[in-house]
Amino acid sequence: MSANALLAIKESLNEKVRAQDKLLGRKETLLEQLDKLGCSTFAEAETAIDTLEKDIEKKEKLFKESLEDFKDKYGNLL
């Protein structure tokens, strides 16, 4: 194997190691953010997100209903 081929392999390996280090750093940052939100795993975060989305849907529905009631009662004043 030529020296150029070995250097290319070495550089490719170094790039992959840098990319891996970057991803590991990003993972650590995300896990720290999850911990601040009270979740210790990505699965817990997904469950929390699902719960929040359902809560948002319920509250949006209630808001729309309340807005319609308001318009029915006080729309003539607007």
PDB file of N, CA and C in Angstrom:
ATOM      1  N   MET A   1       0.853  -1.169   0.000  1.00  0.00           N
ATOM      2  CA  MET A   1       0.000   0.000   0.000  1.00  0.00           C
ATOM      3  C   MET A   1       0.901   1.234   0.000  1.00  0.00           C
ATOM      4  N   SER A   2       0.545   2.202  -0.779  1.00  0.00           N
ATOM      5  CA  SER A   2       1.388   3.395  -0.901  1.00  0.00           C
ATOM      6  C   SER A   2       1.182   4.344   0.279  1.00  0.00           C
ATOM      7  N   ALA A   3       2.124   5.235   0.445  1.00  0.00           N
ATOM      8  CA  ALA A   3       2.053   6.214   1.523  1.00  0.00           C
ATOM      9  C   ALA A   3       0.843   7.119   1.356  1.00  0.00           C
ATOM     10  N   ASN A   4       0.520   7.479   0.118  1.00  0.00           N
ATOM     11  CA  ASN A   4      -0.649   8.337  -0.132  1.00  0.00           C
ATOM     12  C   ASN A   4      -1.942   7.639   0.268  1.00  0.00           C
ATOM     13  N   ALA A   5      -2.021   6.353  -0.025  1.00  0.00           N
ATOM     14  CA  ALA A   5      -3.217   5.592   0.336  1.00  0.00           C
ATOM     15  C   ALA A   5      -3.350   5.517   1.854  1.00  0.00           C
ATOM     16  N   LEU A   6      -2.235   5.301   2.547  1.00  0.00           N
ATOM     17  CA  LEU A   6      -2.270   5.246   4.006  1.00  0.00           C
ATOM     18  C   LEU A   6      -2.654   6.599   4.607  1.00  0.00           C
ATOM     19  N   LEU A   7      -2.126   7.676   4.030  1.00  0.00           N
ATOM     20  CA  LEU A   7      -2.497   9.011   4.512  1.00  0.00           C
ATOM     21  C   LEU A   7      -3.979   9.289   4.293  1.00  0.00           C
ATOM     22  N   ALA A   8      -4.529   8.852   3.163  1.00  0.00           N
ATOM     23  CA  ALA A   8      -5.947   9.050   2.877  1.00  0.00           C
ATOM     24  C   ALA A   8      -6.801   8.274   3.882  1.00  0.00           C
ATOM     25  N   ILE A   9      -6.382   7.052   4.186  1.00  0.00           N
ATOM     26  CA  ILE A   9      -7.111   6.242   5.170  1.00  0.00           C
ATOM     27  C   ILE A   9      -7.044   6.900   6.544  1.00  0.00           C
ATOM     28  N   LYS A  10      -5.848   7.379   6.911  1.00  0.00           N
ATOM     29  CA  LYS A  10      -5.675   8.035   8.210  1.00  0.00           C
ATOM     30  C   LYS A  10      -6.555   9.278   8.309  1.00  0.00           C
ATOM     31  N   GLU A  11      -6.583  10.087   7.262  1.00  0.00           N
ATOM     32  CA  GLU A  11      -7.401  11.312   7.266  1.00  0.00           C
ATOM     33  C   GLU A  11      -8.886  10.971   7.343  1.00  0.00           C
ATOM     34  N   SER A  12      -9.295   9.941   6.616  1.00  0.00           N
ATOM     35  CA  SER A  12     -10.686   9.510   6.651  1.00  0.00           C
ATOM     36  C   SER A  12     -11.061   9.055   8.062  1.00  0.00           C
ATOM     37  N   LEU A  13     -10.190   8.305   8.694  1.00  0.00           N
ATOM     38  CA  LEU A  13     -10.429   7.850  10.057  1.00  0.00           C
ATOM     39  C   LEU A  13     -10.507   9.039  11.010  1.00  0.00           C
ATOM     40  N   ASN A  14      -9.601   9.996  10.855  1.00  0.00           N
ATOM     41  CA  ASN A  14      -9.626  11.184  11.710  1.00  0.00           C
ATOM     42  C   ASN A  14     -10.919  11.967  11.542  1.00  0.00           C
ATOM     43  N   GLU A  15     -11.419  12.082  10.326  1.00  0.00           N
ATOM     44  CA  GLU A  15     -12.686  12.790  10.074  1.00  0.00           C
ATOM     45  C   GLU A  15     -13.835  12.073  10.768  1.00  0.00           C
ATOM     46  N   LYS A  16     -13.828  10.759  10.702  1.00  0.00           N
ATOM     47  CA  LYS A  16     -14.899   9.981  11.333  1.00  0.00           C
ATOM     48  C   LYS A  16     -14.833  10.096  12.853  1.00  0.00           C
ATOM     49  N   VAL A  17     -13.649  10.130  13.407  1.00  0.00           N
ATOM     50  CA  VAL A  17     -13.497  10.298  14.853  1.00  0.00           C
ATOM     51  C   VAL A  17     -14.000  11.678  15.269  1.00  0.00           C
ATOM     52  N   ARG A  18     -13.680  12.710  14.498  1.00  0.00           N
ATOM     53  CA  ARG A  18     -14.169  14.064  14.813  1.00  0.00           C
ATOM     54  C   ARG A  18     -15.691  14.118  14.742  1.00  0.00           C
ATOM     55  N   ALA A  19     -16.255  13.474  13.723  1.00  0.00           N
ATOM     56  CA  ALA A  19     -17.715  13.452  13.586  1.00  0.00           C
ATOM     57  C   ALA A  19     -18.348  12.717  14.767  1.00  0.00           C
ATOM     58  N   GLN A  20     -17.742  11.616  15.165  1.00  0.00           N
ATOM     59  CA  GLN A  20     -18.255  10.859  16.309  1.00  0.00           C
ATOM     60  C   GLN A  20     -18.181  11.697  17.583  1.00  0.00           C
ATOM     61  N   ASP A  21     -17.074  12.378  17.799  1.00  0.00           N
ATOM     62  CA  ASP A  21     -16.928  13.232  18.978  1.00  0.00           C
ATOM     63  C   ASP A  21     -17.985  14.334  18.986  1.00  0.00           C
ATOM     64  N   LYS A  22     -18.251  14.890  17.814  1.00  0.00           N
ATOM     65  CA  LYS A  22     -19.259  15.948  17.701  1.00  0.00           C
ATOM     66  C   LYS A  22     -20.644  15.404  18.062  1.00  0.00           C
ATOM     67  N   LEU A  23     -20.964  14.218  17.560  1.00  0.00           N
ATOM     68  CA  LEU A  23     -22.260  13.602  17.853  1.00  0.00           C
ATOM     69  C   LEU A  23     -22.388  13.252  19.335  1.00  0.00           C
ATOM     70  N   LEU A  24     -21.320  12.745  19.921  1.00  0.00           N
ATOM     71  CA  LEU A  24     -21.357  12.423  21.340  1.00  0.00           C
ATOM     72  C   LEU A  24     -21.554  13.679  22.183  1.00  0.00           C
ATOM     73  N   GLY A  25     -20.907  14.763  21.785  1.00  0.00           N
ATOM     74  CA  GLY A  25     -21.102  16.031  22.483  1.00  0.00           C
ATOM     75  C   GLY A  25     -22.533  16.511  22.370  1.00  0.00           C
ATOM     76  N   ARG A  26     -23.100  16.394  21.190  1.00  0.00           N
ATOM     77  CA  ARG A  26     -24.492  16.795  20.961  1.00  0.00           C
ATOM     78  C   ARG A  26     -25.437  15.939  21.802  1.00  0.00           C
ATOM     79  N   LYS A  27     -25.134  14.627  21.859  1.00  0.00           N
ATOM     80  CA  LYS A  27     -25.965  13.726  22.661  1.00  0.00           C
ATOM     81  C   LYS A  27     -25.925  14.134  24.123  1.00  0.00           C
ATOM     82  N   GLU A  28     -24.747  14.438  24.639  1.00  0.00           N
ATOM     83  CA  GLU A  28     -24.619  14.858  26.025  1.00  0.00           C
ATOM     84  C   GLU A  28     -25.405  16.137  26.293  1.00  0.00           C
ATOM     85  N   THR A  29     -25.335  17.073  25.366  1.00  0.00           N
ATOM     86  CA  THR A  29     -26.082  18.324  25.509  1.00  0.00           C
ATOM     87  C   THR A  29     -27.586  18.053  25.557  1.00  0.00           C
ATOM     88  N   LEU A  30     -28.056  17.196  24.660  1.00  0.00           N
ATOM     89  CA  LEU A  30     -29.479  16.860  24.635  1.00  0.00           C
ATOM     90  C   LEU A  30     -29.913  16.158  25.917  1.00  0.00           C
ATOM     91  N   LEU A  31     -29.073  15.241  26.410  1.00  0.00           N
ATOM     92  CA  LEU A  31     -29.414  14.553  27.651  1.00  0.00           C
ATOM     93  C   LEU A  31     -29.453  15.520  28.831  1.00  0.00           C
ATOM     94  N   GLU A  32     -28.558  16.496  28.855  1.00  0.00           N
ATOM     95  CA  GLU A  32     -28.580  17.513  29.909  1.00  0.00           C
ATOM     96  C   GLU A  32     -29.867  18.334  29.832  1.00  0.00           C
ATOM     97  N   GLN A  33     -30.281  18.678  28.614  1.00  0.00           N
ATOM     98  CA  GLN A  33     -31.518  19.442  28.444  1.00  0.00           C
ATOM     99  C   GLN A  33     -32.723  18.612  28.876  1.00  0.00           C
ATOM    100  N   LEU A  34     -32.709  17.316  28.538  1.00  0.00           N
ATOM    101  CA  LEU A  34     -33.796  16.439  28.963  1.00  0.00           C
ATOM    102  C   LEU A  34     -33.864  16.361  30.483  1.00  0.00           C
ATOM    103  N   ASP A  35     -32.707  16.275  31.110  1.00  0.00           N
ATOM    104  CA  ASP A  35     -32.656  16.201  32.567  1.00  0.00           C
ATOM    105  C   ASP A  35     -33.265  17.451  33.192  1.00  0.00           C
ATOM    106  N   LYS A  36     -32.999  18.607  32.597  1.00  0.00           N
ATOM    107  CA  LYS A  36     -33.579  19.855  33.100  1.00  0.00           C
ATOM    108  C   LYS A  36     -35.096  19.854  32.982  1.00  0.00           C
ATOM    109  N   LEU A  37     -35.609  19.111  32.000  1.00  0.00           N
ATOM    110  CA  LEU A  37     -37.058  19.026  31.800  1.00  0.00           C
ATOM    111  C   LEU A  37     -37.684  17.886  32.599  1.00  0.00           C
ATOM    112  N   GLY A  38     -36.849  17.149  33.345  1.00  0.00           N
ATOM    113  CA  GLY A  38     -37.372  16.080  34.183  1.00  0.00           C
ATOM    114  C   GLY A  38     -37.416  14.725  33.509  1.00  0.00           C
ATOM    115  N   CYS A  39     -36.745  14.574  32.405  1.00  0.00           N
ATOM    116  CA  CYS A  39     -36.710  13.301  31.687  1.00  0.00           C
ATOM    117  C   CYS A  39     -35.274  12.776  31.690  1.00  0.00           C
ATOM    118  N   SER A  40     -35.153  11.460  31.870  1.00  0.00           N
ATOM    119  CA  SER A  40     -33.799  10.902  31.893  1.00  0.00           C
ATOM    120  C   SER A  40     -33.459  10.144  30.609  1.00  0.00           C
ATOM    121  N   THR A  41     -34.466   9.873  29.781  1.00  0.00           N
ATOM    122  CA  THR A  41     -34.215   9.169  28.524  1.00  0.00           C
ATOM    123  C   THR A  41     -35.023   9.822  27.401  1.00  0.00           C
ATOM    124  N   PHE A  42     -34.637   9.475  26.178  1.00  0.00           N
ATOM    125  CA  PHE A  42     -35.389   9.987  25.033  1.00  0.00           C
ATOM    126  C   PHE A  42     -36.804   9.412  25.014  1.00  0.00           C
ATOM    127  N   ALA A  43     -36.962   8.172  25.477  1.00  0.00           N
ATOM    128  CA  ALA A  43     -38.293   7.561  25.521  1.00  0.00           C
ATOM    129  C   ALA A  43     -39.210   8.318  26.481  1.00  0.00           C
ATOM    130  N   GLU A  44     -38.671   8.695  27.629  1.00  0.00           N
ATOM    131  CA  GLU A  44     -39.457   9.493  28.578  1.00  0.00           C
ATOM    132  C   GLU A  44     -39.848  10.832  27.966  1.00  0.00           C
ATOM    133  N   ALA A  45     -38.937  11.427  27.230  1.00  0.00           N
ATOM    134  CA  ALA A  45     -39.216  12.711  26.587  1.00  0.00           C
ATOM    135  C   ALA A  45     -40.324  12.560  25.555  1.00  0.00           C
ATOM    136  N   GLU A  46     -40.282  11.471  24.784  1.00  0.00           N
ATOM    137  CA  GLU A  46     -41.330  11.251  23.784  1.00  0.00           C
ATOM    138  C   GLU A  46     -42.684  11.095  24.451  1.00  0.00           C
ATOM    139  N   THR A  47     -42.729  10.376  25.566  1.00  0.00           N
ATOM    140  CA  THR A  47     -43.979  10.210  26.306  1.00  0.00           C
ATOM    141  C   THR A  47     -44.470  11.555  26.828  1.00  0.00           C
ATOM    142  N   ALA A  48     -43.551  12.343  27.374  1.00  0.00           N
ATOM    143  CA  ALA A  48     -43.923  13.670  27.880  1.00  0.00           C
ATOM    144  C   ALA A  48     -44.436  14.554  26.755  1.00  0.00           C
ATOM    145  N   ILE A  49     -43.801  14.487  25.599  1.00  0.00           N
ATOM    146  CA  ILE A  49     -44.238  15.283  24.449  1.00  0.00           C
ATOM    147  C   ILE A  49     -45.627  14.867  24.003  1.00  0.00           C
ATOM    148  N   ASP A  50     -45.880  13.555  23.950  1.00  0.00           N
ATOM    149  CA  ASP A  50     -47.215  13.072  23.571  1.00  0.00           C
ATOM    150  C   ASP A  50     -48.271  13.590  24.541  1.00  0.00           C
ATOM    151  N   THR A  51     -47.957  13.541  25.822  1.00  0.00           N
ATOM    152  CA  THR A  51     -48.891  14.027  26.840  1.00  0.00           C
ATOM    153  C   THR A  51     -49.154  15.520  26.664  1.00  0.00           C
ATOM    154  N   LEU A  52     -48.094  16.286  26.434  1.00  0.00           N
ATOM    155  CA  LEU A  52     -48.249  17.726  26.231  1.00  0.00           C
ATOM    156  C   LEU A  52     -49.054  18.033  24.973  1.00  0.00           C
ATOM    157  N   GLU A  53     -48.812  17.294  23.901  1.00  0.00           N
ATOM    158  CA  GLU A  53     -49.573  17.530  22.662  1.00  0.00           C
ATOM    159  C   GLU A  53     -51.056  17.261  22.866  1.00  0.00           C
ATOM    160  N   LYS A  54     -51.390  16.200  23.608  1.00  0.00           N
ATOM    161  CA  LYS A  54     -52.797  15.903  23.888  1.00  0.00           C
ATOM    162  C   LYS A  54     -53.416  17.008  24.740  1.00  0.00           C
ATOM    163  N   ASP A  55     -52.646  17.493  25.716  1.00  0.00           N
ATOM    164  CA  ASP A  55     -53.128  18.572  26.573  1.00  0.00           C
ATOM    165  C   ASP A  55     -53.357  19.847  25.759  1.00  0.00           C
ATOM    166  N   ILE A  56     -52.452  20.138  24.853  1.00  0.00           N
ATOM    167  CA  ILE A  56     -52.591  21.318  23.989  1.00  0.00           C
ATOM    168  C   ILE A  56     -53.840  21.199  23.124  1.00  0.00           C
ATOM    169  N   GLU A  57     -54.071  20.018  22.548  1.00  0.00           N
ATOM    170  CA  GLU A  57     -55.264  19.819  21.717  1.00  0.00           C
ATOM    171  C   GLU A  57     -56.534  20.078  22.522  1.00  0.00           C
ATOM    172  N   LYS A  58     -56.585  19.551  23.762  1.00  0.00           N
ATOM    173  CA  LYS A  58     -57.766  19.749  24.606  1.00  0.00           C
ATOM    174  C   LYS A  58     -57.965  21.233  24.914  1.00  0.00           C
ATOM    175  N   LYS A  59     -56.868  21.902  25.238  1.00  0.00           N
ATOM    176  CA  LYS A  59     -56.973  23.321  25.595  1.00  0.00           C
ATOM    177  C   LYS A  59     -57.315  24.186  24.391  1.00  0.00           C
ATOM    178  N   GLU A  60     -56.815  23.816  23.216  1.00  0.00           N
ATOM    179  CA  GLU A  60     -57.184  24.562  22.006  1.00  0.00           C
ATOM    180  C   GLU A  60     -58.668  24.394  21.712  1.00  0.00           C
ATOM    181  N   LYS A  61     -59.176  23.179  21.894  1.00  0.00           N
ATOM    182  CA  LYS A  61     -60.601  22.929  21.674  1.00  0.00           C
ATOM    183  C   LYS A  61     -61.437  23.751  22.659  1.00  0.00           C
ATOM    184  N   LEU A  62     -61.036  23.742  23.924  1.00  0.00           N
ATOM    185  CA  LEU A  62     -61.748  24.518  24.936  1.00  0.00           C
ATOM    186  C   LEU A  62     -61.686  26.009  24.627  1.00  0.00           C
ATOM    187  N   PHE A  63     -60.526  26.486  24.176  1.00  0.00           N
ATOM    188  CA  PHE A  63     -60.380  27.896  23.823  1.00  0.00           C
ATOM    189  C   PHE A  63     -61.324  28.267  22.685  1.00  0.00           C
ATOM    190  N   LYS A  64     -61.356  27.435  21.644  1.00  0.00           N
ATOM    191  CA  LYS A  64     -62.223  27.725  20.499  1.00  0.00           C
ATOM    192  C   LYS A  64     -63.688  27.751  20.917  1.00  0.00           C
ATOM    193  N   GLU A  65     -64.073  26.798  21.763  1.00  0.00           N
ATOM    194  CA  GLU A  65     -65.451  26.771  22.235  1.00  0.00           C
ATOM    195  C   GLU A  65     -65.763  28.012  23.073  1.00  0.00           C
ATOM    196  N   SER A  66     -64.828  28.378  23.932  1.00  0.00           N
ATOM    197  CA  SER A  66     -65.028  29.563  24.772  1.00  0.00           C
ATOM    198  C   SER A  66     -65.080  30.833  23.928  1.00  0.00           C
ATOM    199  N   LEU A  67     -64.252  30.896  22.899  1.00  0.00           N
ATOM    200  CA  LEU A  67     -64.253  32.057  22.003  1.00  0.00           C
ATOM    201  C   LEU A  67     -65.580  32.165  21.274  1.00  0.00           C
ATOM    202  N   GLU A  68     -66.101  31.041  20.817  1.00  0.00           N
ATOM    203  CA  GLU A  68     -67.398  31.056  20.136  1.00  0.00           C
ATOM    204  C   GLU A  68     -68.505  31.505  21.097  1.00  0.00           C
ATOM    205  N   ASP A  69     -68.450  31.014  22.331  1.00  0.00           N
ATOM    206  CA  ASP A  69     -69.438  31.446  23.326  1.00  0.00           C
ATOM    207  C   ASP A  69     -69.340  32.944  23.568  1.00  0.00           C
ATOM    208  N   PHE A  70     -68.106  33.433  23.669  1.00  0.00           N
ATOM    209  CA  PHE A  70     -67.891  34.861  23.871  1.00  0.00           C
ATOM    210  C   PHE A  70     -68.460  35.671  22.707  1.00  0.00           C
ATOM    211  N   LYS A  71     -68.176  35.205  21.487  1.00  0.00           N
ATOM    212  CA  LYS A  71     -68.688  35.921  20.303  1.00  0.00           C
ATOM    213  C   LYS A  71     -70.196  35.911  20.262  1.00  0.00           C
ATOM    214  N   ASP A  72     -70.792  34.769  20.664  1.00  0.00           N
ATOM    215  CA  ASP A  72     -72.253  34.682  20.687  1.00  0.00           C
ATOM    216  C   ASP A  72     -72.842  35.667  21.685  1.00  0.00           C
ATOM    217  N   LYS A  73     -72.211  35.799  22.852  1.00  0.00           N
ATOM    218  CA  LYS A  73     -72.747  36.669  23.904  1.00  0.00           C
ATOM    219  C   LYS A  73     -72.430  38.127  23.668  1.00  0.00           C
ATOM    220  N   TYR A  74     -71.190  38.421  23.224  1.00  0.00           N
ATOM    221  CA  TYR A  74     -70.726  39.803  23.156  1.00  0.00           C
ATOM    222  C   TYR A  74     -70.308  40.258  21.763  1.00  0.00           C
ATOM    223  N   GLY A  75     -70.615  39.472  20.765  1.00  0.00           N
ATOM    224  CA  GLY A  75     -70.205  39.814  19.397  1.00  0.00           C
ATOM    225  C   GLY A  75     -70.790  41.130  18.927  1.00  0.00           C
ATOM    226  N   ASN A  76     -71.950  41.471  19.388  1.00  0.00           N
ATOM    227  CA  ASN A  76     -72.578  42.727  18.964  1.00  0.00           C
ATOM    228  C   ASN A  76     -71.835  43.964  19.496  1.00  0.00           C
ATOM    229  N   LEU A  77     -70.988  43.778  20.511  1.00  0.00           N
ATOM    230  CA  LEU A  77     -70.234  44.899  21.070  1.00  0.00           C
ATOM    231  C   LEU A  77     -68.897  45.122  20.360  1.00  0.00           C
ATOM    232  N   LEU A  78     -68.524  44.179  19.542  1.00  0.00           N
ATOM    233  CA  LEU A  78     -67.220  44.283  18.868  1.00  0.00           C
ATOM    234  C   LEU A  78     -67.273  45.206  17.706  1.00  0.00           C
TER     235      LEU A  78
END
